[in-house]
């Protein structure tokens, strides 16, 4: 006869449904080691090219005019990406019963890195001088999104990537302004939109999200690229305390193509309708 042993039974944890519709769902993710890990990347881009038009078929310059009848000129546009940073998880436990510490650290790294990458990107945006098509006055959702889409059409050659704090997503859905498209969300005009759990309401003043206020910056950028290394794990033991430490980490560098614009968004607070 088997005698039941009192106490709880250890079982496997429940499965997780992975994080969706954040920055890494809309970014171009490149996983490779390289010199970018030293100081990020820089590149020349044509995505913010501007020009002009003149009336007629190959018109000649007016007397006394410039030496060329198309006066709008530009130089090379360079993008300097953000510097490298490393996302990590650190585990500490007794050496007794701490099975596969490196594997555990790597699993946790995979779970937390999306929001940590979003926090860094949000802070990088704070260092950019974005266009302010509507100034600094707060505006409703439809006005804010429309202003960014229109501004991008004039100053960026492609569809922009829109960035919004994650708590704003129900407002976009209620207004029918976003549609799932595979692993990402898109606006009605087809722009990618990231609802970042790590995004700050105001990147220039990082703080906990404040959905009750209904106020945040809605930001549009050029295409975002996330370069990252392969994940790496290592461990060490402190014999004096019988403690095992396992750390998993991965280095990233983020850049957004030449365009950046921001509109101060005011959503209804409390129980108001959008």
C-alpha atoms as a PDB file:
ATOM      1  CA  UNK A   1       0.000   0.000   0.000  1.00  0.00           C
ATOM      2  CA  UNK A   2       1.254   3.486  -0.932  1.00  0.00           C
ATOM      3  CA  UNK A   3       1.097   6.052   1.816  1.00  0.00           C
ATOM      4  CA  UNK A   4       0.502   9.612   0.506  1.00  0.00           C
ATOM      5  CA  UNK A   5       3.213  12.088   1.439  1.00  0.00           C
ATOM      6  CA  UNK A   6       1.850  15.421   2.656  1.00  0.00           C
ATOM      7  CA  UNK A   7       2.847  18.601   0.855  1.00  0.00           C
ATOM      8  CA  UNK A   8       2.541  20.074  -2.622  1.00  0.00           C
ATOM      9  CA  UNK A   9       3.706  18.272  -5.739  1.00  0.00           C
ATOM     10  CA  UNK A  10       6.198  19.931  -8.075  1.00  0.00           C
ATOM     11  CA  UNK A  11       4.933  20.134 -11.657  1.00  0.00           C
ATOM     12  CA  UNK A  12       5.908  21.985 -14.816  1.00  0.00           C
ATOM     13  CA  UNK A  13       4.815  25.639 -15.055  1.00  0.00           C
ATOM     14  CA  UNK A  14       1.976  26.553 -17.395  1.00  0.00           C
ATOM     15  CA  UNK A  15       2.896  27.586 -20.950  1.00  0.00           C
ATOM     16  CA  UNK A  16       3.219  31.247 -21.852  1.00  0.00           C
ATOM     17  CA  UNK A  17       1.627  33.010 -24.771  1.00  0.00           C
ATOM     18  CA  UNK A  18       4.480  35.128 -26.011  1.00  0.00           C
ATOM     19  CA  UNK A  19       4.574  38.932 -26.109  1.00  0.00           C
ATOM     20  CA  UNK A  20       3.145  40.362 -29.327  1.00  0.00           C
ATOM     21  CA  UNK A  21       2.850  43.609 -31.306  1.00  0.00           C
ATOM     22  CA  UNK A  22       5.827  45.330 -29.689  1.00  0.00           C
ATOM     23  CA  UNK A  23       8.894  46.945 -31.238  1.00  0.00           C
ATOM     24  CA  UNK A  24      10.585  43.702 -32.276  1.00  0.00           C
ATOM     25  CA  UNK A  25       7.460  42.715 -34.227  1.00  0.00           C
ATOM     26  CA  UNK A  26       7.843  45.731 -36.530  1.00  0.00           C
ATOM     27  CA  UNK A  27      11.637  46.117 -36.595  1.00  0.00           C
ATOM     28  CA  UNK A  28      14.043  44.579 -39.060  1.00  0.00           C
ATOM     29  CA  UNK A  29      15.845  42.155 -36.727  1.00  0.00           C
ATOM     30  CA  UNK A  30      19.357  41.065 -37.727  1.00  0.00           C
ATOM     31  CA  UNK A  31      21.049  38.487 -35.503  1.00  0.00           C
ATOM     32  CA  UNK A  32      24.792  38.459 -36.140  1.00  0.00           C
ATOM     33  CA  UNK A  33      28.023  39.419 -34.432  1.00  0.00           C
ATOM     34  CA  UNK A  34      30.125  42.182 -35.955  1.00  0.00           C
ATOM     35  CA  UNK A  35      31.934  45.479 -35.549  1.00  0.00           C
ATOM     36  CA  UNK A  36      28.606  47.192 -34.830  1.00  0.00           C
ATOM     37  CA  UNK A  37      28.981  45.808 -31.293  1.00  0.00           C
ATOM     38  CA  UNK A  38      31.782  48.328 -30.689  1.00  0.00           C
ATOM     39  CA  UNK A  39      30.028  51.581 -31.564  1.00  0.00           C
ATOM     40  CA  UNK A  40      26.773  50.942 -33.450  1.00  0.00           C
ATOM     41  CA  UNK A  41      26.249  51.716 -37.151  1.00  0.00           C
ATOM     42  CA  UNK A  42      26.031  54.629 -39.561  1.00  0.00           C
ATOM     43  CA  UNK A  43      24.725  54.700 -43.116  1.00  0.00           C
ATOM     44  CA  UNK A  44      23.770  57.013 -45.962  1.00  0.00           C
ATOM     45  CA  UNK A  45      20.084  56.967 -46.874  1.00  0.00           C
ATOM     46  CA  UNK A  46      17.851  58.292 -49.642  1.00  0.00           C
ATOM     47  CA  UNK A  47      14.632  57.766 -47.679  1.00  0.00           C
ATOM     48  CA  UNK A  48      14.209  61.439 -46.730  1.00  0.00           C
ATOM     49  CA  UNK A  49      15.066  62.872 -50.148  1.00  0.00           C
ATOM     50  CA  UNK A  50      13.392  66.134 -51.104  1.00  0.00           C
ATOM     51  CA  UNK A  51      13.131  67.885 -54.449  1.00  0.00           C
ATOM     52  CA  UNK A  52      10.943  70.306 -56.311  1.00  0.00           C
ATOM     53  CA  UNK A  53       9.307  70.952 -59.667  1.00  0.00           C
ATOM     54  CA  UNK A  54       9.389  73.553 -62.399  1.00  0.00           C
ATOM     55  CA  UNK A  55       6.744  74.311 -64.996  1.00  0.00           C
ATOM     56  CA  UNK A  56       7.294  73.200 -68.559  1.00  0.00           C
ATOM     57  CA  UNK A  57       9.432  70.671 -70.378  1.00  0.00           C
ATOM     58  CA  UNK A  58      13.080  71.160 -69.480  1.00  0.00           C
ATOM     59  CA  UNK A  59      12.634  74.932 -68.973  1.00  0.00           C
ATOM     60  CA  UNK A  60      15.642  77.212 -69.202  1.00  0.00           C
ATOM     61  CA  UNK A  61      16.735  79.408 -66.315  1.00  0.00           C
ATOM     62  CA  UNK A  62      15.491  82.982 -66.307  1.00  0.00           C
ATOM     63  CA  UNK A  63      17.974  85.734 -67.175  1.00  0.00           C
ATOM     64  CA  UNK A  64      20.064  86.550 -64.175  1.00  0.00           C
ATOM     65  CA  UNK A  65      18.931  83.376 -62.462  1.00  0.00           C
ATOM     66  CA  UNK A  66      20.983  80.518 -61.149  1.00  0.00           C
ATOM     67  CA  UNK A  67      23.289  78.471 -63.313  1.00  0.00           C
ATOM     68  CA  UNK A  68      20.690  75.729 -63.210  1.00  0.00           C
ATOM     69  CA  UNK A  69      16.923  75.925 -63.401  1.00  0.00           C
ATOM     70  CA  UNK A  70      16.367  73.324 -60.645  1.00  0.00           C
ATOM     71  CA  UNK A  71      17.605  75.108 -57.524  1.00  0.00           C
ATOM     72  CA  UNK A  72      16.640  72.618 -54.809  1.00  0.00           C
ATOM     73  CA  UNK A  73      19.832  70.807 -53.796  1.00  0.00           C
ATOM     74  CA  UNK A  74      20.681  68.328 -51.054  1.00  0.00           C
ATOM     75  CA  UNK A  75      23.770  66.652 -49.738  1.00  0.00           C
ATOM     76  CA  UNK A  76      24.148  63.094 -48.499  1.00  0.00           C
ATOM     77  CA  UNK A  77      21.869  62.216 -45.578  1.00  0.00           C
ATOM     78  CA  UNK A  78      23.567  60.168 -42.880  1.00  0.00           C
ATOM     79  CA  UNK A  79      21.903  58.197 -40.100  1.00  0.00           C
ATOM     80  CA  UNK A  80      23.843  57.516 -36.914  1.00  0.00           C
ATOM     81  CA  UNK A  81      22.335  54.643 -34.981  1.00  0.00           C
ATOM     82  CA  UNK A  82      22.286  54.291 -31.235  1.00  0.00           C
ATOM     83  CA  UNK A  83      25.225  52.848 -29.364  1.00  0.00           C
ATOM     84  CA  UNK A  84      25.337  49.198 -28.317  1.00  0.00           C
ATOM     85  CA  UNK A  85      23.679  48.062 -25.093  1.00  0.00           C
ATOM     86  CA  UNK A  86      23.316  44.688 -23.427  1.00  0.00           C
ATOM     87  CA  UNK A  87      20.146  43.129 -22.066  1.00  0.00           C
ATOM     88  CA  UNK A  88      20.709  40.567 -19.322  1.00  0.00           C
ATOM     89  CA  UNK A  89      19.140  38.355 -16.683  1.00  0.00           C
ATOM     90  CA  UNK A  90      20.971  37.239 -13.548  1.00  0.00           C
ATOM     91  CA  UNK A  91      20.038  34.263 -11.400  1.00  0.00           C
ATOM     92  CA  UNK A  92      21.363  33.453  -7.946  1.00  0.00           C
ATOM     93  CA  UNK A  93      20.542  30.271  -6.069  1.00  0.00           C
ATOM     94  CA  UNK A  94      22.050  27.543  -3.949  1.00  0.00           C
ATOM     95  CA  UNK A  95      24.202  25.084  -5.857  1.00  0.00           C
ATOM     96  CA  UNK A  96      21.980  22.336  -4.499  1.00  0.00           C
ATOM     97  CA  UNK A  97      18.998  21.646  -6.727  1.00  0.00           C
ATOM     98  CA  UNK A  98      19.775  24.450  -9.218  1.00  0.00           C
ATOM     99  CA  UNK A  99      19.518  22.398 -12.398  1.00  0.00           C
ATOM    100  CA  UNK A 100      20.497  23.890 -15.778  1.00  0.00           C
ATOM    101  CA  UNK A 101      21.160  27.440 -14.549  1.00  0.00           C
ATOM    102  CA  UNK A 102      22.389  28.681 -17.929  1.00  0.00           C
ATOM    103  CA  UNK A 103      19.336  27.283 -19.704  1.00  0.00           C
ATOM    104  CA  UNK A 104      17.061  28.971 -17.173  1.00  0.00           C
ATOM    105  CA  UNK A 105      18.863  32.288 -17.615  1.00  0.00           C
ATOM    106  CA  UNK A 106      18.576  32.056 -21.414  1.00  0.00           C
ATOM    107  CA  UNK A 107      14.851  31.327 -21.210  1.00  0.00           C
ATOM    108  CA  UNK A 108      14.325  34.332 -18.964  1.00  0.00           C
ATOM    109  CA  UNK A 109      16.406  36.526 -21.260  1.00  0.00           C
ATOM    110  CA  UNK A 110      14.139  35.600 -24.168  1.00  0.00           C
ATOM    111  CA  UNK A 111      11.103  36.602 -22.092  1.00  0.00           C
ATOM    112  CA  UNK A 112      12.321  39.985 -20.860  1.00  0.00           C
ATOM    113  CA  UNK A 113      14.354  41.336 -23.761  1.00  0.00           C
ATOM    114  CA  UNK A 114      11.427  42.756 -25.829  1.00  0.00           C
ATOM    115  CA  UNK A 115      10.431  45.267 -23.149  1.00  0.00           C
ATOM    116  CA  UNK A 116      14.032  46.149 -22.257  1.00  0.00           C
ATOM    117  CA  UNK A 117      14.785  46.868 -25.920  1.00  0.00           C
ATOM    118  CA  UNK A 118      11.677  49.070 -26.054  1.00  0.00           C
ATOM    119  CA  UNK A 119      12.837  51.061 -23.039  1.00  0.00           C
ATOM    120  CA  UNK A 120      16.183  51.771 -24.670  1.00  0.00           C
ATOM    121  CA  UNK A 121      14.575  52.732 -27.987  1.00  0.00           C
ATOM    122  CA  UNK A 122      12.197  55.083 -26.189  1.00  0.00           C
ATOM    123  CA  UNK A 123      15.159  56.779 -24.504  1.00  0.00           C
ATOM    124  CA  UNK A 124      16.979  57.027 -27.838  1.00  0.00           C
ATOM    125  CA  UNK A 125      13.971  58.876 -29.268  1.00  0.00           C
ATOM    126  CA  UNK A 126      14.350  61.415 -26.466  1.00  0.00           C
ATOM    127  CA  UNK A 127      17.788  62.288 -27.868  1.00  0.00           C
ATOM    128  CA  UNK A 128      16.387  62.951 -31.356  1.00  0.00           C
ATOM    129  CA  UNK A 129      14.962  66.294 -32.445  1.00  0.00           C
ATOM    130  CA  UNK A 130      11.731  65.085 -34.101  1.00  0.00           C
ATOM    131  CA  UNK A 131       9.481  67.082 -36.340  1.00  0.00           C
ATOM    132  CA  UNK A 132       6.447  68.483 -34.485  1.00  0.00           C
ATOM    133  CA  UNK A 133       3.797  68.859 -37.211  1.00  0.00           C
ATOM    134  CA  UNK A 134       1.177  70.043 -34.690  1.00  0.00           C
ATOM    135  CA  UNK A 135       3.472  71.747 -32.219  1.00  0.00           C
ATOM    136  CA  UNK A 136       3.110  70.755 -28.569  1.00  0.00           C
ATOM    137  CA  UNK A 137      -0.655  71.042 -28.153  1.00  0.00           C
ATOM    138  CA  UNK A 138      -2.423  67.755 -27.275  1.00  0.00           C
ATOM    139  CA  UNK A 139      -4.861  66.474 -29.906  1.00  0.00           C
ATOM    140  CA  UNK A 140      -7.319  63.543 -30.216  1.00  0.00           C
ATOM    141  CA  UNK A 141      -6.316  60.169 -31.640  1.00  0.00           C
ATOM    142  CA  UNK A 142      -7.633  60.571 -35.181  1.00  0.00           C
ATOM    143  CA  UNK A 143      -6.006  63.980 -35.526  1.00  0.00           C
ATOM    144  CA  UNK A 144      -2.684  62.758 -34.125  1.00  0.00           C
ATOM    145  CA  UNK A 145      -2.455  59.660 -36.285  1.00  0.00           C
ATOM    146  CA  UNK A 146      -3.593  61.509 -39.389  1.00  0.00           C
ATOM    147  CA  UNK A 147      -1.042  64.256 -38.813  1.00  0.00           C
ATOM    148  CA  UNK A 148       1.814  61.766 -38.532  1.00  0.00           C
ATOM    149  CA  UNK A 149       0.758  59.813 -41.622  1.00  0.00           C
ATOM    150  CA  UNK A 150       0.460  63.062 -43.604  1.00  0.00           C
ATOM    151  CA  UNK A 151       3.779  64.423 -42.348  1.00  0.00           C
ATOM    152  CA  UNK A 152       5.557  61.178 -43.194  1.00  0.00           C
ATOM    153  CA  UNK A 153       4.134  61.275 -46.717  1.00  0.00           C
ATOM    154  CA  UNK A 154       5.811  64.658 -47.231  1.00  0.00           C
ATOM    155  CA  UNK A 155       9.126  63.996 -45.514  1.00  0.00           C
ATOM    156  CA  UNK A 156       9.764  60.238 -45.754  1.00  0.00           C
ATOM    157  CA  UNK A 157       9.757  58.140 -48.907  1.00  0.00           C
ATOM    158  CA  UNK A 158       8.240  55.031 -47.358  1.00  0.00           C
ATOM    159  CA  UNK A 159       5.559  54.084 -44.890  1.00  0.00           C
ATOM    160  CA  UNK A 160       6.591  55.148 -41.390  1.00  0.00           C
ATOM    161  CA  UNK A 161       6.732  53.033 -38.266  1.00  0.00           C
ATOM    162  CA  UNK A 162       4.422  54.369 -35.549  1.00  0.00           C
ATOM    163  CA  UNK A 163       5.221  53.928 -31.851  1.00  0.00           C
ATOM    164  CA  UNK A 164       2.652  54.116 -29.041  1.00  0.00           C
ATOM    165  CA  UNK A 165       2.629  53.046 -25.379  1.00  0.00           C
ATOM    166  CA  UNK A 166       0.929  49.689 -24.988  1.00  0.00           C
ATOM    167  CA  UNK A 167      -1.956  51.042 -22.895  1.00  0.00           C
ATOM    168  CA  UNK A 168      -3.187  53.057 -25.887  1.00  0.00           C
ATOM    169  CA  UNK A 169      -3.996  49.999 -28.001  1.00  0.00           C
ATOM    170  CA  UNK A 170      -7.680  49.646 -26.951  1.00  0.00           C
ATOM    171  CA  UNK A 171      -8.271  53.223 -28.102  1.00  0.00           C
ATOM    172  CA  UNK A 172      -6.796  52.475 -31.527  1.00  0.00           C
ATOM    173  CA  UNK A 173      -8.886  49.311 -31.757  1.00  0.00           C
ATOM    174  CA  UNK A 174     -12.079  51.084 -30.672  1.00  0.00           C
ATOM    175  CA  UNK A 175     -11.426  53.747 -33.299  1.00  0.00           C
ATOM    176  CA  UNK A 176     -10.805  50.994 -35.884  1.00  0.00           C
ATOM    177  CA  UNK A 177      -7.430  52.434 -36.787  1.00  0.00           C
ATOM    178  CA  UNK A 178      -5.321  49.256 -36.582  1.00  0.00           C
ATOM    179  CA  UNK A 179      -5.491  45.800 -38.125  1.00  0.00           C
ATOM    180  CA  UNK A 180      -3.443  42.678 -37.299  1.00  0.00           C
ATOM    181  CA  UNK A 181      -1.153  41.676 -40.157  1.00  0.00           C
ATOM    182  CA  UNK A 182       0.587  38.451 -39.256  1.00  0.00           C
ATOM    183  CA  UNK A 183       2.919  39.088 -36.305  1.00  0.00           C
ATOM    184  CA  UNK A 184       2.473  42.874 -36.455  1.00  0.00           C
ATOM    185  CA  UNK A 185      -0.196  45.583 -36.380  1.00  0.00           C
ATOM    186  CA  UNK A 186      -0.717  48.073 -39.182  1.00  0.00           C
ATOM    187  CA  UNK A 187      -2.657  51.307 -39.489  1.00  0.00           C
ATOM    188  CA  UNK A 188      -5.376  51.717 -42.105  1.00  0.00           C
ATOM    189  CA  UNK A 189      -2.743  53.215 -44.432  1.00  0.00           C
ATOM    190  CA  UNK A 190      -0.495  50.205 -43.949  1.00  0.00           C
ATOM    191  CA  UNK A 191       2.090  51.716 -41.619  1.00  0.00           C
ATOM    192  CA  UNK A 192       3.562  49.390 -39.042  1.00  0.00           C
ATOM    193  CA  UNK A 193       2.635  50.277 -35.481  1.00  0.00           C
ATOM    194  CA  UNK A 194       4.313  49.058 -32.299  1.00  0.00           C
ATOM    195  CA  UNK A 195       2.471  49.089 -28.983  1.00  0.00           C
ATOM    196  CA  UNK A 196       5.494  48.940 -26.716  1.00  0.00           C
ATOM    197  CA  UNK A 197       5.101  47.853 -23.134  1.00  0.00           C
ATOM    198  CA  UNK A 198       8.501  49.433 -22.502  1.00  0.00           C
ATOM    199  CA  UNK A 199       7.698  52.742 -24.203  1.00  0.00           C
ATOM    200  CA  UNK A 200       7.507  55.805 -21.980  1.00  0.00           C
ATOM    201  CA  UNK A 201       4.512  58.155 -22.258  1.00  0.00           C
ATOM    202  CA  UNK A 202       7.024  60.998 -22.555  1.00  0.00           C
ATOM    203  CA  UNK A 203      10.483  59.719 -23.561  1.00  0.00           C
ATOM    204  CA  UNK A 204      12.069  62.962 -22.344  1.00  0.00           C
ATOM    205  CA  UNK A 205      10.715  62.315 -18.829  1.00  0.00           C
ATOM    206  CA  UNK A 206      10.793  58.538 -18.255  1.00  0.00           C
ATOM    207  CA  UNK A 207       8.190  57.424 -15.720  1.00  0.00           C
ATOM    208  CA  UNK A 208       5.661  54.691 -15.073  1.00  0.00           C
ATOM    209  CA  UNK A 209       2.812  54.624 -17.627  1.00  0.00           C
ATOM    210  CA  UNK A 210      -0.193  56.773 -16.753  1.00  0.00           C
ATOM    211  CA  UNK A 211      -3.241  55.527 -18.695  1.00  0.00           C
ATOM    212  CA  UNK A 212      -5.605  57.540 -16.485  1.00  0.00           C
ATOM    213  CA  UNK A 213      -4.176  60.811 -17.773  1.00  0.00           C
ATOM    214  CA  UNK A 214      -4.791  59.715 -21.357  1.00  0.00           C
ATOM    215  CA  UNK A 215      -1.774  61.719 -22.512  1.00  0.00           C
ATOM    216  CA  UNK A 216       1.351  60.514 -24.290  1.00  0.00           C
ATOM    217  CA  UNK A 217       3.527  61.211 -27.300  1.00  0.00           C
ATOM    218  CA  UNK A 218       2.655  59.355 -30.490  1.00  0.00           C
ATOM    219  CA  UNK A 219       5.841  58.963 -32.497  1.00  0.00           C
ATOM    220  CA  UNK A 220       6.619  58.019 -36.087  1.00  0.00           C
ATOM    221  CA  UNK A 221      10.057  57.015 -37.367  1.00  0.00           C
ATOM    222  CA  UNK A 222      11.640  55.520 -40.416  1.00  0.00           C
ATOM    223  CA  UNK A 223      12.249  51.789 -40.590  1.00  0.00           C
ATOM    224  CA  UNK A 224      13.717  50.473 -37.330  1.00  0.00           C
ATOM    225  CA  UNK A 225      16.571  47.977 -37.421  1.00  0.00           C
ATOM    226  CA  UNK A 226      17.549  45.942 -34.373  1.00  0.00           C
ATOM    227  CA  UNK A 227      20.966  44.361 -34.659  1.00  0.00           C
ATOM    228  CA  UNK A 228      21.694  41.824 -31.981  1.00  0.00           C
ATOM    229  CA  UNK A 229      24.321  39.271 -31.107  1.00  0.00           C
ATOM    230  CA  UNK A 230      23.701  35.637 -30.381  1.00  0.00           C
ATOM    231  CA  UNK A 231      22.589  35.148 -26.762  1.00  0.00           C
ATOM    232  CA  UNK A 232      25.344  34.136 -24.377  1.00  0.00           C
ATOM    233  CA  UNK A 233      25.179  32.516 -20.937  1.00  0.00           C
ATOM    234  CA  UNK A 234      27.824  31.876 -18.308  1.00  0.00           C
ATOM    235  CA  UNK A 235      27.924  30.923 -14.644  1.00  0.00           C
ATOM    236  CA  UNK A 236      30.098  31.081 -11.569  1.00  0.00           C
ATOM    237  CA  UNK A 237      30.080  29.550  -8.089  1.00  0.00           C
ATOM    238  CA  UNK A 238      30.934  31.268  -4.811  1.00  0.00           C
ATOM    239  CA  UNK A 239      32.123  28.394  -2.565  1.00  0.00           C
ATOM    240  CA  UNK A 240      32.032  30.473   0.623  1.00  0.00           C
ATOM    241  CA  UNK A 241      28.258  30.927   0.334  1.00  0.00           C
ATOM    242  CA  UNK A 242      27.514  27.849  -1.781  1.00  0.00           C
ATOM    243  CA  UNK A 243      25.873  30.177  -4.312  1.00  0.00           C
ATOM    244  CA  UNK A 244      25.669  29.669  -8.045  1.00  0.00           C
ATOM    245  CA  UNK A 245      25.264  32.699 -10.321  1.00  0.00           C
ATOM    246  CA  UNK A 246      24.088  32.387 -13.924  1.00  0.00           C
ATOM    247  CA  UNK A 247      23.910  35.321 -16.321  1.00  0.00           C
ATOM    248  CA  UNK A 248      22.427  35.382 -19.822  1.00  0.00           C
ATOM    249  CA  UNK A 249      22.935  38.405 -22.034  1.00  0.00           C
ATOM    250  CA  UNK A 250      22.625  39.716 -25.553  1.00  0.00           C
ATOM    251  CA  UNK A 251      24.020  42.895 -27.112  1.00  0.00           C
ATOM    252  CA  UNK A 252      21.808  45.128 -29.250  1.00  0.00           C
ATOM    253  CA  UNK A 253      22.157  48.263 -31.358  1.00  0.00           C
ATOM    254  CA  UNK A 254      19.080  50.080 -32.674  1.00  0.00           C
ATOM    255  CA  UNK A 255      18.680  52.562 -35.475  1.00  0.00           C
ATOM    256  CA  UNK A 256      15.728  54.232 -37.178  1.00  0.00           C
ATOM    257  CA  UNK A 257      15.949  55.545 -40.724  1.00  0.00           C
ATOM    258  CA  UNK A 258      16.203  59.314 -41.191  1.00  0.00           C
ATOM    259  CA  UNK A 259      12.614  60.333 -40.319  1.00  0.00           C
ATOM    260  CA  UNK A 260      11.224  61.137 -36.847  1.00  0.00           C
ATOM    261  CA  UNK A 261       8.074  63.062 -35.914  1.00  0.00           C
ATOM    262  CA  UNK A 262       5.932  63.322 -32.797  1.00  0.00           C
ATOM    263  CA  UNK A 263       2.438  64.489 -31.873  1.00  0.00           C
ATOM    264  CA  UNK A 264       1.153  64.911 -28.323  1.00  0.00           C
ATOM    265  CA  UNK A 265      -1.843  62.609 -28.026  1.00  0.00           C
ATOM    266  CA  UNK A 266      -4.760  63.215 -25.661  1.00  0.00           C
ATOM    267  CA  UNK A 267      -7.034  60.232 -25.161  1.00  0.00           C
ATOM    268  CA  UNK A 268     -10.160  60.257 -23.012  1.00  0.00           C
ATOM    269  CA  UNK A 269      -9.395  59.523 -19.378  1.00  0.00           C
ATOM    270  CA  UNK A 270     -11.438  57.500 -16.929  1.00  0.00           C
ATOM    271  CA  UNK A 271     -14.480  55.767 -18.416  1.00  0.00           C
ATOM    272  CA  UNK A 272     -15.011  58.177 -21.324  1.00  0.00           C
ATOM    273  CA  UNK A 273     -15.491  56.873 -24.833  1.00  0.00           C
ATOM    274  CA  UNK A 274     -12.723  57.398 -27.357  1.00  0.00           C
END
